Amino acid sequence: MINIIYEDNHLLVVEKPINVPVQQDISQDKDLLNMLKKYLKEKYHKPGNVYLGLVHRLDRPVGGIMVFAKTSKCASRLGKQIQNHTFIKTYYAIVEGNIENKGIFKDKLLKDTNNNTVIVSEKGKEAILEYKKIKCINNLSLVQINLKTGRSHQIRVQFSYHGYPLYGDHRYNMNVQEKSQIALFAQKISFAHPITNEILSFELPLPKRKPWEIFEG
C-alpha cells in the first residue's frame, strides 16, 4: 500500500517507496504513477483513463515525499513554481566523510543518455544546492539539503564530485557495499496550492533502517 499523506480534488501527496520507479521504464516493474492511477480509479469508480500529472521526480532507489496533480491546470501551475524556485524540496542524505558544517555546491552537470549517468562538465547545465551538516558519527555525515536547481542525479553527483559520496550509492560511490541501500530521502516539500494559493508543507520522519538509525536520538 502507498502511504497517502494528503489528498483533495486537485492534489495527491504520497510517500514514494524505495526501489520503485516513478514512471514506467524498461524494467517493466510496477511504477508509482500507474499504481496511483489505479488507486484513484478504484476509489472514485472512474471510467476510462485517469489523469495524474507528474510534476517532479525521484530516482528509483530514493524514497520520500512527492506531489502529483489531479488536473492539467494544477500540473501546469506546479510546474511554474518549480521553474520559479518557489516549490521547495528538502532532502536528507548520509555522506561518507566529515563534511564542512555548511556549504554551497555550484557545478555544471551533463547527462550521458547512453548509460544514464551524469558528470560534471563545462558543457553541462548549472546545478546549485545548499547543505547543512546535522551530525557526524563514525565518519558518516548526516546532511540536510536544499536544492536550488533540479538536475538529474544532482545530489548524488555533486556530493561525490566534492569528495563526499552518498552512503550506498551504487552508481557514484566507488566504495559502496554490495547490498547497501542509498541513504538519500526526500523529507519535506513546501509549495503554494495551485488553486487556493495557500502555502502547504508536508514532511516525513527519517527512515528507521540502516544507516539512518545511528543518528537517532
N, C-alpha and C. Protein backbone atom coordinates (compact mmCIF):
# COMPACT_ATOMS: atom_id res chain seq x y z
N MET A 1 0.83 -1.21 0.00
CA MET A 1 0.00 0.00 0.00
C MET A 1 0.87 1.26 0.00
N ILE A 2 0.46 2.22 -0.80
CA ILE A 2 1.18 3.50 -0.84
C ILE A 2 0.66 4.38 0.30
N ASN A 3 1.58 5.03 1.00
CA ASN A 3 1.22 5.96 2.07
C ASN A 3 0.72 7.26 1.46
N ILE A 4 -0.61 7.49 1.57
CA ILE A 4 -1.23 8.74 1.08
C ILE A 4 -1.16 9.76 2.20
N ILE A 5 -0.41 10.83 1.99
CA ILE A 5 -0.20 11.84 3.03
C ILE A 5 -1.29 12.90 3.00
N TYR A 6 -1.70 13.28 1.79
CA TYR A 6 -2.71 14.34 1.64
C TYR A 6 -3.40 14.15 0.29
N GLU A 7 -4.71 14.44 0.29
CA GLU A 7 -5.45 14.35 -0.96
C GLU A 7 -6.62 15.32 -0.94
N ASP A 8 -6.79 16.05 -2.04
CA ASP A 8 -8.00 16.84 -2.25
C ASP A 8 -8.40 16.70 -3.72
N ASN A 9 -9.26 17.57 -4.20
CA ASN A 9 -9.73 17.45 -5.58
C ASN A 9 -8.66 17.79 -6.61
N HIS A 10 -7.55 18.36 -6.14
CA HIS A 10 -6.54 18.88 -7.06
C HIS A 10 -5.18 18.20 -6.93
N LEU A 11 -4.88 17.70 -5.74
CA LEU A 11 -3.53 17.21 -5.43
C LEU A 11 -3.55 15.84 -4.79
N LEU A 12 -2.43 15.17 -4.94
CA LEU A 12 -2.19 13.91 -4.25
C LEU A 12 -0.75 13.93 -3.76
N VAL A 13 -0.56 13.87 -2.45
CA VAL A 13 0.77 13.88 -1.85
C VAL A 13 1.01 12.51 -1.23
N VAL A 14 2.10 11.87 -1.62
CA VAL A 14 2.33 10.49 -1.21
C VAL A 14 3.78 10.28 -0.81
N GLU A 15 4.03 9.14 -0.18
CA GLU A 15 5.40 8.71 0.10
C GLU A 15 5.81 7.68 -0.94
N LYS A 16 6.83 8.00 -1.72
CA LYS A 16 7.35 7.06 -2.71
C LYS A 16 8.19 6.00 -2.00
N PRO A 17 7.88 4.72 -2.21
CA PRO A 17 8.72 3.67 -1.62
C PRO A 17 10.07 3.59 -2.32
N ILE A 18 11.07 3.09 -1.62
CA ILE A 18 12.38 2.90 -2.22
C ILE A 18 12.31 1.81 -3.29
N ASN A 19 13.15 1.94 -4.28
CA ASN A 19 13.31 0.94 -5.36
C ASN A 19 12.07 0.74 -6.21
N VAL A 20 11.19 1.73 -6.22
CA VAL A 20 10.03 1.73 -7.11
C VAL A 20 10.21 2.87 -8.11
N PRO A 21 10.18 2.59 -9.42
CA PRO A 21 10.31 3.69 -10.38
C PRO A 21 9.13 4.64 -10.32
N VAL A 22 9.36 5.91 -10.56
CA VAL A 22 8.26 6.88 -10.53
C VAL A 22 7.32 6.64 -11.71
N GLN A 23 7.88 6.34 -12.89
CA GLN A 23 7.05 6.02 -14.04
C GLN A 23 7.65 4.81 -14.75
N GLN A 24 6.88 4.25 -15.63
CA GLN A 24 7.28 3.00 -16.28
C GLN A 24 8.61 3.15 -17.01
N ASP A 25 9.48 2.16 -16.85
CA ASP A 25 10.75 2.18 -17.55
C ASP A 25 10.98 0.82 -18.22
N ILE A 26 12.18 0.62 -18.72
CA ILE A 26 12.45 -0.60 -19.49
C ILE A 26 12.37 -1.86 -18.64
N SER A 27 12.43 -1.71 -17.31
CA SER A 27 12.34 -2.88 -16.44
C SER A 27 10.94 -3.48 -16.43
N GLN A 28 9.95 -2.66 -16.77
CA GLN A 28 8.55 -3.08 -16.74
C GLN A 28 8.07 -3.41 -15.32
N ASP A 29 8.82 -2.99 -14.30
CA ASP A 29 8.38 -3.17 -12.92
C ASP A 29 7.21 -2.24 -12.63
N LYS A 30 6.44 -2.56 -11.60
CA LYS A 30 5.34 -1.69 -11.21
C LYS A 30 5.88 -0.31 -10.87
N ASP A 31 5.24 0.72 -11.39
CA ASP A 31 5.70 2.09 -11.15
C ASP A 31 4.67 2.87 -10.34
N LEU A 32 5.16 3.91 -9.67
CA LEU A 32 4.32 4.68 -8.75
C LEU A 32 3.17 5.38 -9.46
N LEU A 33 3.43 5.97 -10.62
CA LEU A 33 2.39 6.71 -11.33
C LEU A 33 1.20 5.82 -11.66
N ASN A 34 1.45 4.65 -12.21
CA ASN A 34 0.34 3.76 -12.56
C ASN A 34 -0.32 3.16 -11.34
N MET A 35 0.43 2.95 -10.27
CA MET A 35 -0.16 2.46 -9.03
C MET A 35 -1.16 3.49 -8.47
N LEU A 36 -0.78 4.77 -8.56
CA LEU A 36 -1.66 5.82 -8.05
C LEU A 36 -2.87 6.03 -8.95
N LYS A 37 -2.69 5.88 -10.26
CA LYS A 37 -3.84 5.96 -11.17
C LYS A 37 -4.84 4.86 -10.86
N LYS A 38 -4.33 3.68 -10.58
CA LYS A 38 -5.21 2.55 -10.23
C LYS A 38 -5.94 2.84 -8.92
N TYR A 39 -5.23 3.42 -7.96
CA TYR A 39 -5.83 3.80 -6.67
C TYR A 39 -7.00 4.77 -6.88
N LEU A 40 -6.78 5.80 -7.71
CA LEU A 40 -7.83 6.80 -7.96
C LEU A 40 -8.99 6.19 -8.73
N LYS A 41 -8.69 5.37 -9.68
CA LYS A 41 -9.74 4.74 -10.50
C LYS A 41 -10.66 3.87 -9.63
N GLU A 42 -10.05 3.11 -8.72
CA GLU A 42 -10.84 2.23 -7.86
C GLU A 42 -11.58 3.01 -6.77
N LYS A 43 -10.91 4.00 -6.19
CA LYS A 43 -11.53 4.76 -5.09
C LYS A 43 -12.74 5.55 -5.56
N TYR A 44 -12.64 6.16 -6.75
CA TYR A 44 -13.70 7.05 -7.23
C TYR A 44 -14.52 6.42 -8.36
N HIS A 45 -14.27 5.14 -8.63
CA HIS A 45 -15.02 4.40 -9.66
C HIS A 45 -15.01 5.16 -10.99
N LYS A 46 -13.82 5.60 -11.37
CA LYS A 46 -13.70 6.39 -12.60
C LYS A 46 -13.67 5.49 -13.83
N PRO A 47 -14.46 5.80 -14.85
CA PRO A 47 -14.39 5.04 -16.10
C PRO A 47 -13.22 5.52 -16.97
N GLY A 48 -12.70 4.66 -17.80
CA GLY A 48 -11.65 5.08 -18.73
C GLY A 48 -10.34 5.40 -18.04
N ASN A 49 -9.50 6.16 -18.75
CA ASN A 49 -8.18 6.51 -18.23
C ASN A 49 -8.28 7.60 -17.17
N VAL A 50 -7.41 7.52 -16.19
CA VAL A 50 -7.35 8.50 -15.10
C VAL A 50 -6.18 9.44 -15.35
N TYR A 51 -6.41 10.75 -15.26
CA TYR A 51 -5.31 11.71 -15.40
C TYR A 51 -4.61 11.88 -14.05
N LEU A 52 -3.29 11.85 -14.09
CA LEU A 52 -2.49 12.19 -12.92
C LEU A 52 -1.18 12.77 -13.43
N GLY A 53 -0.94 14.03 -13.11
CA GLY A 53 0.21 14.75 -13.64
C GLY A 53 1.45 14.55 -12.80
N LEU A 54 2.54 14.17 -13.47
CA LEU A 54 3.84 14.02 -12.82
C LEU A 54 4.60 15.33 -12.95
N VAL A 55 4.83 16.00 -11.82
CA VAL A 55 5.44 17.34 -11.87
C VAL A 55 6.90 17.36 -11.40
N HIS A 56 7.33 16.33 -10.68
CA HIS A 56 8.74 16.22 -10.31
C HIS A 56 9.05 14.74 -10.11
N ARG A 57 10.32 14.41 -9.95
CA ARG A 57 10.73 13.01 -9.94
C ARG A 57 11.68 12.72 -8.78
N LEU A 58 11.78 11.43 -8.46
CA LEU A 58 12.82 10.92 -7.57
C LEU A 58 13.47 9.72 -8.26
N ASP A 59 14.78 9.58 -8.08
CA ASP A 59 15.45 8.41 -8.64
C ASP A 59 14.85 7.14 -8.07
N ARG A 60 14.92 6.08 -8.83
CA ARG A 60 14.31 4.81 -8.43
C ARG A 60 14.72 4.34 -7.02
N PRO A 61 16.00 4.36 -6.64
CA PRO A 61 16.36 3.85 -5.31
C PRO A 61 16.01 4.78 -4.16
N VAL A 62 15.56 6.00 -4.47
CA VAL A 62 15.32 7.02 -3.45
C VAL A 62 13.86 7.01 -3.02
N GLY A 63 13.62 7.09 -1.71
CA GLY A 63 12.27 7.18 -1.18
C GLY A 63 11.98 8.59 -0.68
N GLY A 64 10.71 8.83 -0.39
CA GLY A 64 10.34 10.11 0.21
C GLY A 64 9.09 10.71 -0.37
N ILE A 65 8.90 11.97 -0.10
CA ILE A 65 7.64 12.65 -0.35
C ILE A 65 7.57 13.20 -1.78
N MET A 66 6.39 13.02 -2.40
CA MET A 66 6.15 13.52 -3.76
C MET A 66 4.73 14.06 -3.86
N VAL A 67 4.52 15.01 -4.77
CA VAL A 67 3.19 15.53 -5.04
C VAL A 67 2.84 15.29 -6.50
N PHE A 68 1.60 14.90 -6.74
CA PHE A 68 1.07 14.69 -8.09
C PHE A 68 -0.14 15.60 -8.29
N ALA A 69 -0.40 15.97 -9.53
CA ALA A 69 -1.52 16.86 -9.86
C ALA A 69 -2.66 16.05 -10.46
N LYS A 70 -3.86 16.31 -9.98
CA LYS A 70 -5.03 15.58 -10.48
C LYS A 70 -5.62 16.21 -11.74
N THR A 71 -5.21 17.44 -12.07
CA THR A 71 -5.69 18.09 -13.29
C THR A 71 -4.51 18.70 -14.04
N SER A 72 -4.69 18.92 -15.32
CA SER A 72 -3.61 19.51 -16.12
C SER A 72 -3.34 20.95 -15.70
N LYS A 73 -4.39 21.66 -15.28
CA LYS A 73 -4.20 23.04 -14.80
C LYS A 73 -3.29 23.07 -13.57
N CYS A 74 -3.53 22.16 -12.64
CA CYS A 74 -2.70 22.10 -11.45
C CYS A 74 -1.26 21.68 -11.79
N ALA A 75 -1.13 20.75 -12.73
CA ALA A 75 0.20 20.32 -13.14
C ALA A 75 0.99 21.49 -13.73
N SER A 76 0.33 22.29 -14.56
CA SER A 76 0.99 23.44 -15.17
C SER A 76 1.41 24.46 -14.12
N ARG A 77 0.54 24.73 -13.16
CA ARG A 77 0.85 25.73 -12.14
C ARG A 77 1.95 25.25 -11.19
N LEU A 78 1.95 23.97 -10.86
CA LEU A 78 3.04 23.45 -10.02
C LEU A 78 4.35 23.47 -10.80
N GLY A 79 4.28 23.18 -12.09
CA GLY A 79 5.47 23.24 -12.93
C GLY A 79 6.10 24.62 -12.95
N LYS A 80 5.25 25.64 -12.97
CA LYS A 80 5.76 27.02 -12.96
C LYS A 80 6.42 27.34 -11.63
N GLN A 81 5.87 26.82 -10.54
CA GLN A 81 6.50 27.04 -9.23
C GLN A 81 7.89 26.40 -9.19
N ILE A 82 8.01 25.23 -9.79
CA ILE A 82 9.32 24.57 -9.83
C ILE A 82 10.30 25.41 -10.65
N GLN A 83 9.84 25.93 -11.78
CA GLN A 83 10.70 26.77 -12.62
C GLN A 83 11.11 28.05 -11.90
N ASN A 84 10.20 28.59 -11.08
CA ASN A 84 10.46 29.85 -10.36
C ASN A 84 11.14 29.62 -9.02
N HIS A 85 11.43 28.37 -8.69
CA HIS A 85 12.12 28.01 -7.45
C HIS A 85 11.31 28.37 -6.21
N THR A 86 9.98 28.36 -6.32
CA THR A 86 9.13 28.57 -5.14
C THR A 86 8.55 27.26 -4.63
N PHE A 87 8.83 26.17 -5.33
CA PHE A 87 8.46 24.82 -4.91
C PHE A 87 9.68 24.28 -4.16
N ILE A 88 9.60 24.21 -2.84
CA ILE A 88 10.77 23.93 -2.01
C ILE A 88 10.84 22.44 -1.66
N LYS A 89 11.98 21.83 -2.00
CA LYS A 89 12.20 20.41 -1.70
C LYS A 89 13.39 20.29 -0.75
N THR A 90 13.19 19.59 0.37
CA THR A 90 14.25 19.39 1.35
C THR A 90 14.58 17.90 1.43
N TYR A 91 15.85 17.60 1.31
CA TYR A 91 16.33 16.22 1.34
C TYR A 91 17.27 16.03 2.53
N TYR A 92 17.36 14.78 2.97
CA TYR A 92 18.40 14.39 3.91
C TYR A 92 19.22 13.29 3.26
N ALA A 93 20.52 13.31 3.52
CA ALA A 93 21.41 12.28 2.99
C ALA A 93 22.46 11.96 4.04
N ILE A 94 23.02 10.78 3.91
CA ILE A 94 24.19 10.40 4.72
C ILE A 94 25.35 10.24 3.75
N VAL A 95 26.39 11.04 3.97
CA VAL A 95 27.54 11.03 3.07
C VAL A 95 28.77 10.51 3.81
N GLU A 96 29.70 9.96 3.06
CA GLU A 96 30.93 9.45 3.65
C GLU A 96 31.90 10.59 3.89
N GLY A 97 32.48 10.62 5.10
CA GLY A 97 33.43 11.66 5.46
C GLY A 97 32.80 12.69 6.38
N ASN A 98 33.66 13.45 7.04
CA ASN A 98 33.22 14.53 7.95
C ASN A 98 33.20 15.83 7.16
N ILE A 99 32.07 16.14 6.57
CA ILE A 99 31.94 17.29 5.69
C ILE A 99 31.90 18.58 6.49
N GLU A 100 32.20 19.70 5.84
CA GLU A 100 32.11 21.01 6.49
C GLU A 100 30.70 21.25 7.02
N ASN A 101 30.57 22.13 8.01
CA ASN A 101 29.29 22.33 8.68
C ASN A 101 28.19 22.80 7.73
N LYS A 102 28.54 23.60 6.75
CA LYS A 102 27.57 24.04 5.76
C LYS A 102 28.30 24.47 4.51
N GLY A 103 27.56 24.52 3.40
CA GLY A 103 28.22 24.92 2.17
C GLY A 103 27.25 25.00 1.01
N ILE A 104 27.78 25.48 -0.11
CA ILE A 104 27.02 25.58 -1.36
C ILE A 104 27.85 24.93 -2.46
N PHE A 105 27.22 24.04 -3.20
CA PHE A 105 27.87 23.45 -4.37
C PHE A 105 27.30 24.09 -5.63
N LYS A 106 28.19 24.56 -6.48
CA LYS A 106 27.79 25.10 -7.79
C LYS A 106 28.63 24.40 -8.85
N ASP A 107 27.99 23.61 -9.69
CA ASP A 107 28.68 22.87 -10.72
C ASP A 107 27.83 22.87 -11.99
N LYS A 108 28.43 22.42 -13.08
CA LYS A 108 27.68 22.22 -14.32
C LYS A 108 27.61 20.72 -14.59
N LEU A 109 26.38 20.22 -14.76
CA LEU A 109 26.16 18.79 -14.90
C LEU A 109 25.70 18.45 -16.32
N LEU A 110 26.27 17.39 -16.83
CA LEU A 110 25.96 16.92 -18.17
C LEU A 110 25.50 15.47 -18.10
N LYS A 111 24.35 15.17 -18.71
CA LYS A 111 23.80 13.81 -18.67
C LYS A 111 24.25 13.02 -19.88
N ASP A 112 24.73 11.80 -19.61
CA ASP A 112 25.08 10.87 -20.68
C ASP A 112 23.90 9.91 -20.83
N THR A 113 23.11 10.12 -21.86
CA THR A 113 21.89 9.32 -22.04
C THR A 113 22.19 7.89 -22.42
N ASN A 114 23.39 7.61 -22.88
CA ASN A 114 23.74 6.25 -23.28
C ASN A 114 23.79 5.29 -22.10
N ASN A 115 24.28 5.78 -20.96
CA ASN A 115 24.36 4.90 -19.78
C ASN A 115 23.66 5.49 -18.55
N ASN A 116 22.85 6.52 -18.76
CA ASN A 116 22.06 7.14 -17.71
C ASN A 116 22.90 7.56 -16.51
N THR A 117 24.03 8.17 -16.78
CA THR A 117 24.85 8.74 -15.72
C THR A 117 25.04 10.23 -15.98
N VAL A 118 25.49 10.93 -14.94
CA VAL A 118 25.69 12.37 -15.02
C VAL A 118 27.10 12.69 -14.58
N ILE A 119 27.74 13.62 -15.28
CA ILE A 119 29.10 14.02 -14.94
C ILE A 119 29.16 15.54 -14.79
N VAL A 120 30.21 16.00 -14.12
CA VAL A 120 30.48 17.43 -14.04
C VAL A 120 31.25 17.83 -15.29
N SER A 121 30.71 18.80 -16.02
CA SER A 121 31.33 19.22 -17.28
C SER A 121 30.96 20.66 -17.57
N GLU A 122 31.91 21.39 -18.15
CA GLU A 122 31.64 22.77 -18.55
C GLU A 122 30.55 22.85 -19.63
N LYS A 123 30.29 21.74 -20.29
CA LYS A 123 29.24 21.70 -21.32
C LYS A 123 27.86 21.50 -20.71
N GLY A 124 27.78 21.28 -19.39
CA GLY A 124 26.52 20.96 -18.74
C GLY A 124 25.72 22.17 -18.30
N LYS A 125 24.63 21.90 -17.61
CA LYS A 125 23.74 22.94 -17.08
C LYS A 125 24.07 23.20 -15.61
N GLU A 126 23.88 24.44 -15.20
CA GLU A 126 24.23 24.84 -13.84
C GLU A 126 23.39 24.08 -12.82
N ALA A 127 24.05 23.60 -11.79
CA ALA A 127 23.40 22.89 -10.69
C ALA A 127 23.86 23.50 -9.37
N ILE A 128 22.90 23.88 -8.54
CA ILE A 128 23.21 24.54 -7.27
C ILE A 128 22.44 23.86 -6.15
N LEU A 129 23.13 23.59 -5.04
CA LEU A 129 22.45 23.12 -3.83
C LEU A 129 23.14 23.72 -2.61
N GLU A 130 22.38 23.82 -1.53
CA GLU A 130 22.91 24.23 -0.23
C GLU A 130 22.77 23.04 0.72
N TYR A 131 23.74 22.90 1.61
CA TYR A 131 23.62 21.83 2.60
C TYR A 131 24.04 22.32 3.98
N LYS A 132 23.56 21.60 4.98
CA LYS A 132 23.93 21.87 6.37
C LYS A 132 24.17 20.53 7.05
N LYS A 133 25.32 20.40 7.69
CA LYS A 133 25.61 19.15 8.41
C LYS A 133 24.86 19.14 9.73
N ILE A 134 24.16 18.05 9.99
CA ILE A 134 23.44 17.90 11.25
C ILE A 134 24.32 17.25 12.31
N LYS A 135 25.04 16.21 11.89
CA LYS A 135 25.86 15.45 12.84
C LYS A 135 26.82 14.55 12.07
N CYS A 136 27.95 14.22 12.68
CA CYS A 136 28.88 13.26 12.09
C CYS A 136 29.17 12.16 13.10
N ILE A 137 28.96 10.92 12.69
CA ILE A 137 29.22 9.75 13.54
C ILE A 137 29.93 8.70 12.70
N ASN A 138 31.02 8.15 13.22
CA ASN A 138 31.76 7.08 12.53
C ASN A 138 32.14 7.46 11.11
N ASN A 139 32.56 8.72 10.94
CA ASN A 139 32.98 9.24 9.63
C ASN A 139 31.85 9.24 8.60
N LEU A 140 30.61 9.27 9.08
CA LEU A 140 29.44 9.46 8.23
C LEU A 140 28.75 10.74 8.66
N SER A 141 28.41 11.59 7.69
CA SER A 141 27.77 12.87 8.00
C SER A 141 26.31 12.86 7.55
N LEU A 142 25.42 13.23 8.47
CA LEU A 142 24.01 13.43 8.14
C LEU A 142 23.85 14.89 7.71
N VAL A 143 23.36 15.10 6.48
CA VAL A 143 23.24 16.46 5.96
C VAL A 143 21.81 16.74 5.51
N GLN A 144 21.40 17.98 5.71
CA GLN A 144 20.13 18.48 5.19
C GLN A 144 20.44 19.28 3.92
N ILE A 145 19.66 19.03 2.86
CA ILE A 145 19.97 19.60 1.55
C ILE A 145 18.77 20.35 1.01
N ASN A 146 19.02 21.56 0.52
CA ASN A 146 18.00 22.34 -0.19
C ASN A 146 18.47 22.53 -1.63
N LEU A 147 17.70 21.99 -2.55
CA LEU A 147 18.04 22.12 -3.96
C LEU A 147 17.63 23.48 -4.50
N LYS A 148 18.52 24.13 -5.19
CA LYS A 148 18.20 25.37 -5.88
C LYS A 148 17.87 25.11 -7.35
N THR A 149 18.38 23.99 -7.87
CA THR A 149 18.04 23.54 -9.22
C THR A 149 17.64 22.07 -9.10
N GLY A 150 17.03 21.54 -10.14
CA GLY A 150 16.54 20.17 -10.07
C GLY A 150 17.11 19.30 -11.18
N ARG A 151 18.42 19.19 -11.25
CA ARG A 151 19.06 18.38 -12.29
C ARG A 151 19.00 16.89 -11.96
N SER A 152 19.03 16.09 -12.99
CA SER A 152 19.03 14.64 -12.82
C SER A 152 20.25 14.19 -12.01
N HIS A 153 20.00 13.37 -10.98
CA HIS A 153 21.05 12.81 -10.13
C HIS A 153 21.87 13.89 -9.43
N GLN A 154 21.34 15.09 -9.32
CA GLN A 154 22.14 16.23 -8.87
C GLN A 154 22.82 16.02 -7.52
N ILE A 155 22.06 15.64 -6.51
CA ILE A 155 22.62 15.48 -5.17
C ILE A 155 23.72 14.42 -5.18
N ARG A 156 23.44 13.31 -5.82
CA ARG A 156 24.38 12.19 -5.84
C ARG A 156 25.68 12.58 -6.53
N VAL A 157 25.57 13.24 -7.67
CA VAL A 157 26.76 13.60 -8.44
C VAL A 157 27.58 14.68 -7.74
N GLN A 158 26.91 15.72 -7.24
CA GLN A 158 27.67 16.82 -6.66
C GLN A 158 28.40 16.42 -5.39
N PHE A 159 27.76 15.66 -4.52
CA PHE A 159 28.46 15.25 -3.29
C PHE A 159 29.61 14.30 -3.62
N SER A 160 29.42 13.42 -4.58
CA SER A 160 30.52 12.53 -5.00
C SER A 160 31.67 13.33 -5.59
N TYR A 161 31.36 14.29 -6.44
CA TYR A 161 32.38 15.10 -7.10
C TYR A 161 33.21 15.89 -6.08
N HIS A 162 32.55 16.35 -5.01
CA HIS A 162 33.25 17.15 -4.00
C HIS A 162 33.88 16.30 -2.90
N GLY A 163 33.89 14.98 -3.09
CA GLY A 163 34.63 14.10 -2.18
C GLY A 163 33.84 13.49 -1.06
N TYR A 164 32.52 13.61 -1.10
CA TYR A 164 31.67 13.06 -0.04
C TYR A 164 30.52 12.25 -0.66
N PRO A 165 30.84 11.10 -1.23
CA PRO A 165 29.79 10.31 -1.90
C PRO A 165 28.72 9.83 -0.92
N LEU A 166 27.52 9.64 -1.42
CA LEU A 166 26.42 9.18 -0.60
C LEU A 166 26.62 7.72 -0.20
N TYR A 167 26.32 7.43 1.04
CA TYR A 167 26.34 6.05 1.52
C TYR A 167 25.38 5.21 0.67
N GLY A 168 25.87 4.07 0.18
CA GLY A 168 25.00 3.14 -0.53
C GLY A 168 24.68 3.50 -1.96
N ASP A 169 25.36 4.51 -2.52
CA ASP A 169 25.08 4.92 -3.89
C ASP A 169 25.89 4.05 -4.86
N HIS A 170 25.23 3.08 -5.46
CA HIS A 170 25.92 2.12 -6.32
C HIS A 170 26.43 2.73 -7.62
N ARG A 171 25.93 3.89 -7.98
CA ARG A 171 26.34 4.49 -9.25
C ARG A 171 27.49 5.47 -9.11
N TYR A 172 27.52 6.24 -8.02
CA TYR A 172 28.51 7.32 -7.91
C TYR A 172 29.45 7.17 -6.71
N ASN A 173 29.36 6.08 -5.99
CA ASN A 173 30.25 5.84 -4.85
C ASN A 173 31.07 4.58 -5.12
N MET A 174 32.36 4.75 -5.33
CA MET A 174 33.24 3.63 -5.68
C MET A 174 33.46 2.68 -4.51
N ASN A 175 33.16 3.12 -3.27
CA ASN A 175 33.41 2.30 -2.09
C ASN A 175 32.16 1.60 -1.58
N VAL A 176 31.09 1.63 -2.34
CA VAL A 176 29.80 1.18 -1.85
C VAL A 176 29.82 -0.32 -1.56
N GLN A 177 29.11 -0.70 -0.46
CA GLN A 177 28.94 -2.11 -0.13
C GLN A 177 27.89 -2.72 -1.04
N GLU A 178 28.04 -3.98 -1.36
CA GLU A 178 27.25 -4.62 -2.40
C GLU A 178 25.74 -4.51 -2.18
N LYS A 179 25.26 -4.76 -0.96
CA LYS A 179 23.82 -4.82 -0.72
C LYS A 179 23.27 -3.59 -0.01
N SER A 180 24.04 -2.53 0.09
CA SER A 180 23.60 -1.35 0.83
C SER A 180 22.57 -0.55 0.03
N GLN A 181 21.69 0.14 0.75
CA GLN A 181 20.65 0.98 0.17
C GLN A 181 21.10 2.43 0.22
N ILE A 182 20.87 3.17 -0.85
CA ILE A 182 21.30 4.57 -0.88
C ILE A 182 20.63 5.36 0.25
N ALA A 183 21.45 6.18 0.93
CA ALA A 183 20.95 6.98 2.06
C ALA A 183 20.61 8.38 1.58
N LEU A 184 19.52 8.47 0.83
CA LEU A 184 19.00 9.75 0.35
C LEU A 184 17.49 9.70 0.48
N PHE A 185 16.89 10.75 1.08
CA PHE A 185 15.47 10.72 1.41
C PHE A 185 14.87 12.10 1.19
N ALA A 186 13.76 12.13 0.42
CA ALA A 186 13.03 13.38 0.20
C ALA A 186 12.12 13.60 1.40
N GLN A 187 12.54 14.45 2.32
CA GLN A 187 11.88 14.53 3.62
C GLN A 187 10.75 15.54 3.69
N LYS A 188 10.83 16.61 2.90
CA LYS A 188 9.83 17.68 3.04
C LYS A 188 9.62 18.39 1.71
N ILE A 189 8.37 18.82 1.46
CA ILE A 189 8.08 19.72 0.34
C ILE A 189 7.17 20.84 0.83
N SER A 190 7.32 21.99 0.21
CA SER A 190 6.50 23.16 0.54
C SER A 190 6.21 23.91 -0.75
N PHE A 191 4.93 24.26 -0.96
CA PHE A 191 4.53 24.93 -2.20
C PHE A 191 3.18 25.61 -2.00
N ALA A 192 2.83 26.47 -2.93
CA ALA A 192 1.52 27.12 -2.89
C ALA A 192 0.49 26.23 -3.58
N HIS A 193 -0.64 26.05 -2.93
CA HIS A 193 -1.70 25.25 -3.55
C HIS A 193 -2.05 25.88 -4.90
N PRO A 194 -2.10 25.09 -5.97
CA PRO A 194 -2.27 25.66 -7.31
C PRO A 194 -3.63 26.32 -7.54
N ILE A 195 -4.59 26.10 -6.66
CA ILE A 195 -5.91 26.72 -6.81
C ILE A 195 -6.15 27.80 -5.75
N THR A 196 -5.87 27.47 -4.47
CA THR A 196 -6.18 28.40 -3.38
C THR A 196 -5.03 29.34 -3.04
N ASN A 197 -3.80 29.01 -3.50
CA ASN A 197 -2.57 29.73 -3.17
C ASN A 197 -2.15 29.60 -1.71
N GLU A 198 -2.85 28.78 -0.95
CA GLU A 198 -2.44 28.51 0.43
C GLU A 198 -1.09 27.80 0.41
N ILE A 199 -0.19 28.19 1.31
CA ILE A 199 1.10 27.54 1.40
C ILE A 199 0.94 26.21 2.14
N LEU A 200 1.29 25.13 1.45
CA LEU A 200 1.19 23.80 2.02
C LEU A 200 2.59 23.26 2.30
N SER A 201 2.74 22.54 3.39
CA SER A 201 4.03 21.96 3.74
C SER A 201 3.79 20.57 4.32
N PHE A 202 4.53 19.61 3.81
CA PHE A 202 4.40 18.23 4.25
C PHE A 202 5.78 17.66 4.52
N GLU A 203 5.88 16.85 5.56
CA GLU A 203 7.17 16.24 5.86
C GLU A 203 6.98 14.84 6.43
N LEU A 204 8.05 14.06 6.34
CA LEU A 204 8.06 12.69 6.81
C LEU A 204 9.20 12.48 7.79
N PRO A 205 9.05 11.54 8.73
CA PRO A 205 10.20 11.20 9.59
C PRO A 205 11.26 10.49 8.78
N LEU A 206 12.50 10.60 9.20
CA LEU A 206 13.59 9.93 8.51
C LEU A 206 13.44 8.41 8.66
N PRO A 207 13.96 7.66 7.70
CA PRO A 207 13.83 6.20 7.76
C PRO A 207 14.45 5.61 9.03
N LYS A 208 13.99 4.43 9.42
CA LYS A 208 14.50 3.73 10.61
C LYS A 208 15.56 2.69 10.26
N ARG A 209 15.75 2.43 8.96
CA ARG A 209 16.67 1.38 8.54
C ARG A 209 18.13 1.87 8.58
N LYS A 210 19.04 0.91 8.35
CA LYS A 210 20.47 1.21 8.26
C LYS A 210 20.74 2.10 7.05
N PRO A 211 21.62 3.13 7.17
CA PRO A 211 22.40 3.54 8.33
C PRO A 211 21.75 4.68 9.11
N TRP A 212 20.50 5.02 8.76
CA TRP A 212 19.84 6.16 9.38
C TRP A 212 19.75 6.04 10.90
N GLU A 213 19.61 4.79 11.39
CA GLU A 213 19.34 4.62 12.83
C GLU A 213 20.49 5.07 13.70
N ILE A 214 21.71 5.16 13.15
CA ILE A 214 22.84 5.59 14.00
C ILE A 214 22.71 7.06 14.39
N PHE A 215 21.86 7.81 13.69
CA PHE A 215 21.69 9.23 14.01
C PHE A 215 20.46 9.50 14.86
N GLU A 216 19.75 8.46 15.29
CA GLU A 216 18.57 8.67 16.13
C GLU A 216 18.99 9.13 17.52
N GLY A 217 18.14 9.99 18.08
CA GLY A 217 18.38 10.46 19.43
C GLY A 217 19.37 11.61 19.51
